[in-house]
Amino acid sequence: MSTVIPLQRKPSRGAVPLLLLILLLFLPPALAEEPREDSAGKRVTLPADQVVDEDYFAAGEVVEIRGTVHGDVYAAGKEIRIEGTVDGDLLAAGGNVRVSGKVAQNARIAGGEVTVAGAIGRNLTAAGGKILLAENGAVGGNVTAAGDLTVSGRIGGRLRTMAGHVRVTSSAAVGGEVRYVSREAAAIEEGARIDGQVLQQSPPRIFDFSAGAFSGFLVGLFLFIRIISLISTLIIGIFLIALFPRFSREVVATLKQKPLASLGWGFVLTIAVPVIFIGLLVTLVGIPVAFILFPLYLISLYLARLVFILWIGAALLDRFGAGGHEGLALLIGLLIYSLLTAIPGPGGLITLLIIMVGLGAVLLTARSRHAAA
């Protein structure tokens, strides 16, 4: 077995394929010859007796490829199972991805858990929390991976990985060198066959591929984005109050007097503007108008939150007899808004309702002003 040789840092070349894998999450539901799909559209299956003579696209909660595809397969879902034959490339993204069939060309996979227990003819690129090349799994070419990696099968070429933990079991066979980026030395069991050198590179301190550190990084990034969002919203809110003090008070009063009407009109606006945008795109004259309208619509969605923020803050101050302080109302409302929208699960729905209420209140206020004029 070869000795471990530390390496100088080199830039990663796997970023582009991994970004392409992320795009799979936005694929539409299955687009292929008569895939079997359950009534809820949650399970998409290519049966074992079916052959597809072109590329196959599938997205669902569960995606199963049991038949034969004479082209590439693009799959996204919570659980993906490749049990049949893919004559082209495989691109898959999901929570749990398992390849137990045959992929004749390259496989590029992103998932929480990635298991290869079948045959991949050429190269494998995989990113995930846990990556396993099972004992009966085989890759004809090179393997490039990011995530905790266990190799028990056969790799025809070299292995390169960024991981918190690297394990090469006694049943593994690697036809080339093994390069890995990790703070821990790879666990290479007696009996494992590696035809090249085993080369370790220690990552910079800012990079830690362990599950706990990565989770902490994501939490920190989320909190950083939330704080930046709160600060920017506060600054924008102060400017709007200073520039349009009367209109700000009128919008808040409208929401207080007509909350249901504001929600209803906001719902109509939220749906109607995208429909109008699409309608304008199909006409040559309307295209410039569409590309002016849609950015303004997105800006209005962002600013609509301020209406609810001012209203809830003012309502609390009025309740305690401290009304009239719009800056303080903005700050209190912003804190309440951030707490409501941070609730896991319902937070997105709450944000949508708040935007609709704000849009509706602005529309009703503008109509009242126009009628009075």
Foldseek 3Di string as FASTA:
>chain_A
DFDAAEDDDDDDPCPVLVVVLVCLQPDDAKDFPDWDADPVRAETEDDQPDEGAEEIEHEHQEYEYNHEYNYEYRYEHQEYEDAHEYAAEYRYEHAEYEYQYEYQEEYEYEHQEYEAQHEYNEEYEYEHQEYEDDCNGEYQYEYEYEHAYEYQHEYNEEYEYEYQAAEYELNYEHNEEYEYEYPDDYHYYPNYHHNYHYYYYYDPPVDHHHPVVVVVVVVVVVVVVLVVLLVVLLVVLVVCCVVPVPLLVQLLVLCVVCVPQLLVQLVCVVPVLVVVLVVLVVDPVSPVVSVVSPVVVVVLLSNLLQSQQQNVLQVVCVVVPNHDPSSRSNVVSSVVLSVQLVPPPCNVVVSSSSSSSSNSSSVVSVVVVVVVD
